[in-house]
Amino acid sequence: MIKILNASTIFNLLLDKGVLIVPTAGPLDVVSKGLICHGEIAVQDDIEKFLKKKVNMSPYIQGAHVAGGSVTFSAINDIVLSDVTFKGGAPIVLKGDIKCSLSVIPALNDKGIPDPSPPTELTVKFVPTQPITVSK
């Protein structure tokens, strides 16, 4: 049995430092087979394309550093499942976190000094907004 996280899953994007100007990534567009899991999530094509599109050159601010800073999705580092249910004895992912590394252009303060500690990690929190589809 294959468990698929619903295509309407909402993703919230949180930086480890500072604030991302676009706080919610919205629903995932499933092109291939979506997010497929066998007790874990196999996160590949769809989620990486989604993050590259949504996070590419997204501005961020951190304290006094507000000008010109941006982050771009680089790679998925870790997947942490925080809520799993069982249907027919098989685990289905309800929600969790995906930890990602970033490529960063540091923001500048009003004196033109770059942010000395720009964000390095993005946490993608996901929660399905509709029931999960289960297929064989």
N, C-alpha and C. Protein backbone atom coordinates (compact mmCIF):
# COMPACT_ATOMS: atom_id res chain seq x y z
N MET A 1 0.84 -1.19 0.00
CA MET A 1 0.00 0.00 0.00
C MET A 1 0.88 1.25 0.00
N ILE A 2 0.48 2.25 -0.75
CA ILE A 2 1.24 3.51 -0.84
C ILE A 2 0.43 4.62 -0.17
N LYS A 3 1.07 5.38 0.68
CA LYS A 3 0.44 6.49 1.36
C LYS A 3 0.87 7.80 0.69
N ILE A 4 -0.09 8.63 0.30
CA ILE A 4 0.24 9.89 -0.38
C ILE A 4 -0.28 11.07 0.44
N LEU A 5 0.60 11.98 0.76
CA LEU A 5 0.20 13.20 1.44
C LEU A 5 -0.59 14.04 0.46
N ASN A 6 -1.77 14.48 0.86
CA ASN A 6 -2.70 15.17 -0.03
C ASN A 6 -2.07 16.39 -0.71
N ALA A 7 -2.43 16.61 -1.97
CA ALA A 7 -1.87 17.71 -2.75
C ALA A 7 -2.24 19.07 -2.20
N SER A 8 -3.27 19.15 -1.38
CA SER A 8 -3.68 20.44 -0.84
C SER A 8 -2.99 20.75 0.49
N THR A 9 -1.98 19.98 0.84
CA THR A 9 -1.23 20.22 2.07
C THR A 9 -0.65 21.65 2.08
N ILE A 10 -0.83 22.33 3.18
CA ILE A 10 -0.32 23.70 3.32
C ILE A 10 1.06 23.64 3.99
N PHE A 11 2.00 24.40 3.41
CA PHE A 11 3.36 24.46 3.92
C PHE A 11 3.63 25.83 4.52
N ASN A 12 4.10 25.87 5.76
CA ASN A 12 4.53 27.11 6.38
C ASN A 12 6.06 27.11 6.42
N LEU A 13 6.65 28.24 6.06
CA LEU A 13 8.10 28.35 5.96
C LEU A 13 8.64 29.22 7.08
N LEU A 14 9.56 28.66 7.88
CA LEU A 14 10.13 29.39 9.01
C LEU A 14 11.65 29.38 8.93
N LEU A 15 12.26 30.57 9.01
CA LEU A 15 13.72 30.67 9.03
C LEU A 15 14.23 30.41 10.43
N ASP A 16 15.48 29.93 10.54
CA ASP A 16 16.08 29.76 11.86
C ASP A 16 16.49 31.11 12.45
N LYS A 17 16.70 32.12 11.61
CA LYS A 17 17.03 33.48 12.07
C LYS A 17 16.30 34.47 11.18
N GLY A 18 15.74 35.51 11.76
CA GLY A 18 15.07 36.52 10.96
C GLY A 18 13.67 36.08 10.55
N VAL A 19 13.09 36.87 9.62
CA VAL A 19 11.72 36.65 9.18
C VAL A 19 11.69 36.59 7.66
N LEU A 20 11.07 35.55 7.13
CA LEU A 20 10.88 35.43 5.69
C LEU A 20 9.71 36.31 5.30
N ILE A 21 9.87 37.09 4.22
CA ILE A 21 8.82 38.01 3.82
C ILE A 21 7.57 37.25 3.34
N VAL A 22 7.75 36.08 2.74
CA VAL A 22 6.62 35.25 2.31
C VAL A 22 6.45 34.14 3.35
N PRO A 23 5.54 34.29 4.34
CA PRO A 23 5.49 33.35 5.45
C PRO A 23 4.84 32.00 5.15
N THR A 24 3.97 31.92 4.13
CA THR A 24 3.28 30.67 3.82
C THR A 24 3.49 30.31 2.36
N ALA A 25 3.83 29.07 2.10
CA ALA A 25 4.08 28.66 0.72
C ALA A 25 2.82 28.22 -0.01
N GLY A 26 1.73 28.00 0.72
CA GLY A 26 0.50 27.59 0.08
C GLY A 26 0.47 26.11 -0.24
N PRO A 27 -0.52 25.68 -1.05
CA PRO A 27 -0.66 24.25 -1.34
C PRO A 27 0.39 23.75 -2.32
N LEU A 28 0.72 22.49 -2.18
CA LEU A 28 1.69 21.83 -3.06
C LEU A 28 1.03 21.42 -4.37
N ASP A 29 1.68 21.72 -5.50
CA ASP A 29 1.23 21.23 -6.80
C ASP A 29 1.88 19.89 -7.05
N VAL A 30 1.08 18.83 -7.09
CA VAL A 30 1.61 17.49 -7.30
C VAL A 30 1.70 17.20 -8.79
N VAL A 31 2.91 16.94 -9.28
CA VAL A 31 3.12 16.66 -10.69
C VAL A 31 3.40 15.19 -10.91
N SER A 32 4.23 14.60 -10.06
CA SER A 32 4.55 13.18 -10.25
C SER A 32 3.61 12.35 -9.39
N LYS A 33 4.12 11.70 -8.36
CA LYS A 33 3.29 10.88 -7.49
C LYS A 33 3.08 11.52 -6.13
N GLY A 34 3.39 12.81 -6.01
CA GLY A 34 3.21 13.48 -4.74
C GLY A 34 4.26 13.05 -3.74
N LEU A 35 3.91 13.17 -2.49
CA LEU A 35 4.80 12.76 -1.41
C LEU A 35 4.42 11.34 -1.02
N ILE A 36 5.28 10.40 -1.30
CA ILE A 36 4.97 9.01 -1.05
C ILE A 36 5.74 8.54 0.17
N CYS A 37 5.07 7.80 1.04
CA CYS A 37 5.75 7.36 2.25
C CYS A 37 5.48 5.88 2.52
N HIS A 38 6.43 5.23 3.12
CA HIS A 38 6.30 3.87 3.63
C HIS A 38 6.77 3.91 5.08
N GLY A 39 6.04 4.61 5.91
CA GLY A 39 6.48 4.83 7.28
C GLY A 39 7.38 6.05 7.39
N GLU A 40 7.93 6.50 6.26
CA GLU A 40 8.71 7.72 6.18
C GLU A 40 8.23 8.46 4.93
N ILE A 41 8.74 9.65 4.71
CA ILE A 41 8.39 10.38 3.50
C ILE A 41 9.55 10.31 2.54
N ALA A 42 9.27 9.94 1.31
CA ALA A 42 10.28 10.03 0.25
C ALA A 42 10.09 11.39 -0.41
N VAL A 43 10.86 12.37 0.00
CA VAL A 43 10.67 13.74 -0.48
C VAL A 43 11.65 13.99 -1.63
N GLN A 44 11.12 14.10 -2.82
CA GLN A 44 12.02 14.31 -3.96
C GLN A 44 11.48 15.36 -4.90
N ASP A 45 11.15 14.97 -6.12
CA ASP A 45 10.86 15.90 -7.20
C ASP A 45 9.85 16.99 -6.87
N ASP A 46 8.64 16.59 -6.47
CA ASP A 46 7.59 17.59 -6.26
C ASP A 46 7.96 18.61 -5.19
N ILE A 47 8.39 18.12 -4.02
CA ILE A 47 8.67 19.04 -2.92
C ILE A 47 9.89 19.91 -3.22
N GLU A 48 10.91 19.37 -3.87
CA GLU A 48 12.09 20.17 -4.20
C GLU A 48 11.75 21.23 -5.25
N LYS A 49 10.98 20.87 -6.26
CA LYS A 49 10.56 21.86 -7.27
C LYS A 49 9.70 22.94 -6.63
N PHE A 50 8.82 22.52 -5.72
CA PHE A 50 7.95 23.44 -5.01
C PHE A 50 8.76 24.46 -4.20
N LEU A 51 9.74 23.96 -3.44
CA LEU A 51 10.56 24.85 -2.62
C LEU A 51 11.45 25.75 -3.47
N LYS A 52 12.02 25.22 -4.55
CA LYS A 52 12.84 26.05 -5.43
C LYS A 52 12.02 27.19 -6.01
N LYS A 53 10.78 26.89 -6.37
CA LYS A 53 9.90 27.92 -6.96
C LYS A 53 9.45 28.93 -5.91
N LYS A 54 9.04 28.45 -4.73
CA LYS A 54 8.47 29.33 -3.71
C LYS A 54 9.52 30.13 -2.93
N VAL A 55 10.69 29.53 -2.72
CA VAL A 55 11.68 30.16 -1.84
C VAL A 55 12.76 30.90 -2.63
N ASN A 56 12.88 30.66 -3.93
CA ASN A 56 13.94 31.26 -4.73
C ASN A 56 13.96 32.78 -4.59
N MET A 57 15.05 33.30 -4.06
CA MET A 57 15.29 34.74 -3.88
C MET A 57 14.22 35.43 -3.02
N SER A 58 13.68 34.71 -2.03
CA SER A 58 12.71 35.32 -1.12
C SER A 58 13.43 36.26 -0.17
N PRO A 59 12.94 37.48 -0.02
CA PRO A 59 13.59 38.42 0.89
C PRO A 59 13.39 38.04 2.36
N TYR A 60 14.34 38.43 3.18
CA TYR A 60 14.22 38.23 4.62
C TYR A 60 14.70 39.48 5.33
N ILE A 61 14.27 39.67 6.57
CA ILE A 61 14.76 40.76 7.41
C ILE A 61 15.20 40.17 8.75
N GLN A 62 16.19 40.79 9.36
CA GLN A 62 16.66 40.35 10.67
C GLN A 62 17.14 41.56 11.44
N GLY A 63 16.35 41.97 12.43
CA GLY A 63 16.69 43.14 13.22
C GLY A 63 16.82 44.39 12.36
N ALA A 64 17.99 45.06 12.43
CA ALA A 64 18.23 46.27 11.65
C ALA A 64 18.63 45.96 10.21
N HIS A 65 18.88 44.71 9.91
CA HIS A 65 19.28 44.32 8.55
C HIS A 65 18.03 44.03 7.73
N VAL A 66 17.65 45.01 6.89
CA VAL A 66 16.37 44.92 6.19
C VAL A 66 16.50 45.07 4.68
N ALA A 67 17.66 45.46 4.17
CA ALA A 67 17.78 45.78 2.74
C ALA A 67 18.54 44.71 1.96
N GLY A 68 17.95 44.24 0.89
CA GLY A 68 18.66 43.42 -0.09
C GLY A 68 18.94 41.98 0.28
N GLY A 69 18.52 41.53 1.44
CA GLY A 69 18.78 40.15 1.83
C GLY A 69 17.82 39.19 1.16
N SER A 70 18.31 38.02 0.79
CA SER A 70 17.42 37.02 0.20
C SER A 70 17.93 35.62 0.49
N VAL A 71 17.00 34.67 0.46
CA VAL A 71 17.34 33.26 0.67
C VAL A 71 16.81 32.44 -0.51
N THR A 72 17.52 31.35 -0.80
CA THR A 72 17.13 30.42 -1.86
C THR A 72 17.28 29.01 -1.33
N PHE A 73 16.29 28.17 -1.61
CA PHE A 73 16.34 26.76 -1.19
C PHE A 73 17.58 26.11 -1.79
N SER A 74 18.30 25.34 -0.96
CA SER A 74 19.50 24.67 -1.42
C SER A 74 19.32 23.15 -1.41
N ALA A 75 18.99 22.58 -0.24
CA ALA A 75 18.87 21.12 -0.14
C ALA A 75 18.04 20.73 1.06
N ILE A 76 17.44 19.54 1.01
CA ILE A 76 16.73 18.99 2.15
C ILE A 76 17.74 18.28 3.04
N ASN A 77 17.75 18.64 4.33
CA ASN A 77 18.70 18.05 5.28
C ASN A 77 18.09 16.95 6.14
N ASP A 78 16.81 17.13 6.53
CA ASP A 78 16.23 16.20 7.49
C ASP A 78 14.71 16.24 7.38
N ILE A 79 14.07 15.12 7.75
CA ILE A 79 12.62 15.02 7.76
C ILE A 79 12.21 14.51 9.14
N VAL A 80 11.32 15.25 9.82
CA VAL A 80 10.87 14.87 11.15
C VAL A 80 9.36 14.75 11.10
N LEU A 81 8.84 13.55 11.34
CA LEU A 81 7.40 13.33 11.35
C LEU A 81 6.88 13.57 12.76
N SER A 82 5.88 14.46 12.89
CA SER A 82 5.36 14.76 14.22
C SER A 82 3.98 14.18 14.47
N ASP A 83 3.31 13.74 13.42
CA ASP A 83 1.99 13.15 13.61
C ASP A 83 1.72 12.14 12.51
N VAL A 84 1.51 10.91 12.90
CA VAL A 84 1.27 9.82 11.95
C VAL A 84 0.05 9.06 12.45
N THR A 85 -0.82 8.67 11.53
CA THR A 85 -1.95 7.84 11.91
C THR A 85 -1.83 6.50 11.18
N PHE A 86 -2.71 5.57 11.52
CA PHE A 86 -2.67 4.26 10.87
C PHE A 86 -4.02 3.97 10.25
N LYS A 87 -3.99 3.48 9.02
CA LYS A 87 -5.20 3.07 8.33
C LYS A 87 -4.91 1.70 7.74
N GLY A 88 -5.68 0.70 8.14
CA GLY A 88 -5.42 -0.65 7.68
C GLY A 88 -4.06 -1.16 8.15
N GLY A 89 -3.58 -0.65 9.30
CA GLY A 89 -2.30 -1.09 9.84
C GLY A 89 -1.09 -0.42 9.22
N ALA A 90 -1.31 0.48 8.26
CA ALA A 90 -0.19 1.15 7.58
C ALA A 90 -0.09 2.60 8.04
N PRO A 91 1.14 3.09 8.29
CA PRO A 91 1.30 4.48 8.74
C PRO A 91 1.04 5.47 7.62
N ILE A 92 0.34 6.56 7.97
CA ILE A 92 0.07 7.64 7.03
C ILE A 92 0.51 8.94 7.68
N VAL A 93 1.31 9.73 7.00
CA VAL A 93 1.82 10.99 7.55
C VAL A 93 0.72 12.03 7.61
N LEU A 94 0.52 12.62 8.78
CA LEU A 94 -0.44 13.70 8.93
C LEU A 94 0.24 15.06 8.91
N LYS A 95 1.35 15.16 9.64
CA LYS A 95 2.08 16.42 9.62
C LYS A 95 3.51 16.18 10.05
N GLY A 96 4.36 17.17 9.81
CA GLY A 96 5.76 17.04 10.16
C GLY A 96 6.56 18.24 9.72
N ASP A 97 7.87 18.13 9.83
CA ASP A 97 8.78 19.21 9.46
C ASP A 97 9.83 18.69 8.48
N ILE A 98 10.18 19.52 7.54
CA ILE A 98 11.28 19.23 6.62
C ILE A 98 12.32 20.32 6.84
N LYS A 99 13.53 19.94 7.25
CA LYS A 99 14.61 20.90 7.48
C LYS A 99 15.44 21.04 6.20
N CYS A 100 15.66 22.28 5.77
CA CYS A 100 16.36 22.55 4.52
C CYS A 100 17.50 23.53 4.74
N SER A 101 18.57 23.38 3.98
CA SER A 101 19.64 24.37 4.00
C SER A 101 19.35 25.41 2.92
N LEU A 102 19.96 26.58 3.08
CA LEU A 102 19.70 27.72 2.20
C LEU A 102 20.97 28.29 1.60
N SER A 103 20.83 28.90 0.45
CA SER A 103 21.85 29.80 -0.09
C SER A 103 21.38 31.20 0.26
N VAL A 104 22.28 32.05 0.76
CA VAL A 104 21.85 33.34 1.31
C VAL A 104 22.66 34.50 0.76
N ILE A 105 21.97 35.58 0.44
CA ILE A 105 22.60 36.88 0.21
C ILE A 105 22.28 37.69 1.45
N PRO A 106 23.28 38.04 2.29
CA PRO A 106 23.00 38.72 3.55
C PRO A 106 22.31 40.07 3.36
N ALA A 107 21.39 40.36 4.25
CA ALA A 107 20.73 41.67 4.26
C ALA A 107 21.70 42.72 4.78
N LEU A 108 21.45 43.97 4.42
CA LEU A 108 22.28 45.10 4.85
C LEU A 108 21.51 45.98 5.81
N ASN A 109 22.24 46.61 6.74
CA ASN A 109 21.58 47.59 7.59
C ASN A 109 21.63 48.96 6.92
N ASP A 110 21.17 50.01 7.61
CA ASP A 110 21.11 51.35 6.99
C ASP A 110 22.50 51.94 6.71
N LYS A 111 23.56 51.35 7.26
CA LYS A 111 24.93 51.80 7.00
C LYS A 111 25.61 50.95 5.93
N GLY A 112 24.86 49.97 5.38
CA GLY A 112 25.41 49.11 4.33
C GLY A 112 26.25 47.96 4.85
N ILE A 113 26.17 47.68 6.14
CA ILE A 113 26.93 46.57 6.73
C ILE A 113 26.10 45.29 6.63
N PRO A 114 26.69 44.22 6.08
CA PRO A 114 25.94 42.97 5.93
C PRO A 114 25.61 42.29 7.26
N ASP A 115 24.52 41.58 7.27
CA ASP A 115 24.09 40.79 8.42
C ASP A 115 25.19 39.79 8.77
N PRO A 116 25.75 39.84 9.99
CA PRO A 116 26.85 38.95 10.35
C PRO A 116 26.43 37.50 10.59
N SER A 117 25.12 37.28 10.84
CA SER A 117 24.66 35.91 11.06
C SER A 117 23.34 35.69 10.32
N PRO A 118 23.40 35.60 9.00
CA PRO A 118 22.17 35.40 8.21
C PRO A 118 21.59 34.02 8.45
N PRO A 119 20.34 33.81 8.07
CA PRO A 119 19.73 32.49 8.24
C PRO A 119 20.47 31.44 7.42
N THR A 120 20.52 30.23 7.95
CA THR A 120 21.19 29.14 7.23
C THR A 120 20.25 27.96 7.01
N GLU A 121 19.12 27.95 7.74
CA GLU A 121 18.20 26.82 7.66
C GLU A 121 16.75 27.28 7.57
N LEU A 122 15.98 26.55 6.80
CA LEU A 122 14.56 26.78 6.64
C LEU A 122 13.82 25.54 7.14
N THR A 123 12.80 25.74 7.97
CA THR A 123 11.97 24.63 8.40
C THR A 123 10.63 24.74 7.68
N VAL A 124 10.27 23.68 6.97
CA VAL A 124 9.00 23.63 6.27
C VAL A 124 8.06 22.79 7.11
N LYS A 125 7.04 23.44 7.68
CA LYS A 125 6.05 22.73 8.48
C LYS A 125 4.87 22.42 7.57
N PHE A 126 4.45 21.16 7.53
CA PHE A 126 3.33 20.83 6.66
C PHE A 126 2.19 20.17 7.42
N VAL A 127 0.97 20.55 7.03
CA VAL A 127 -0.26 20.02 7.62
C VAL A 127 -1.28 19.87 6.49
N PRO A 128 -1.78 18.67 6.27
CA PRO A 128 -2.82 18.51 5.23
C PRO A 128 -4.09 19.28 5.59
N THR A 129 -4.72 19.87 4.59
CA THR A 129 -5.97 20.61 4.83
C THR A 129 -7.17 19.79 4.42
N GLN A 130 -6.94 18.63 3.79
CA GLN A 130 -8.02 17.73 3.41
C GLN A 130 -7.59 16.32 3.79
N PRO A 131 -8.53 15.37 3.78
CA PRO A 131 -8.15 13.99 4.13
C PRO A 131 -7.05 13.46 3.21
N ILE A 132 -6.25 12.57 3.76
CA ILE A 132 -5.15 11.98 3.01
C ILE A 132 -5.67 10.88 2.09
N THR A 133 -5.15 10.87 0.88
CA THR A 133 -5.54 9.85 -0.11
C THR A 133 -4.70 8.60 0.09
N VAL A 134 -5.37 7.47 0.15
CA VAL A 134 -4.66 6.21 0.29
C VAL A 134 -4.96 5.38 -0.95
N SER A 135 -3.90 4.93 -1.64
CA SER A 135 -4.09 4.11 -2.85
C SER A 135 -3.24 2.86 -2.75
N LYS A 136 -3.60 1.86 -3.55
CA LYS A 136 -2.84 0.60 -3.54
C LYS A 136 -1.78 0.61 -4.62
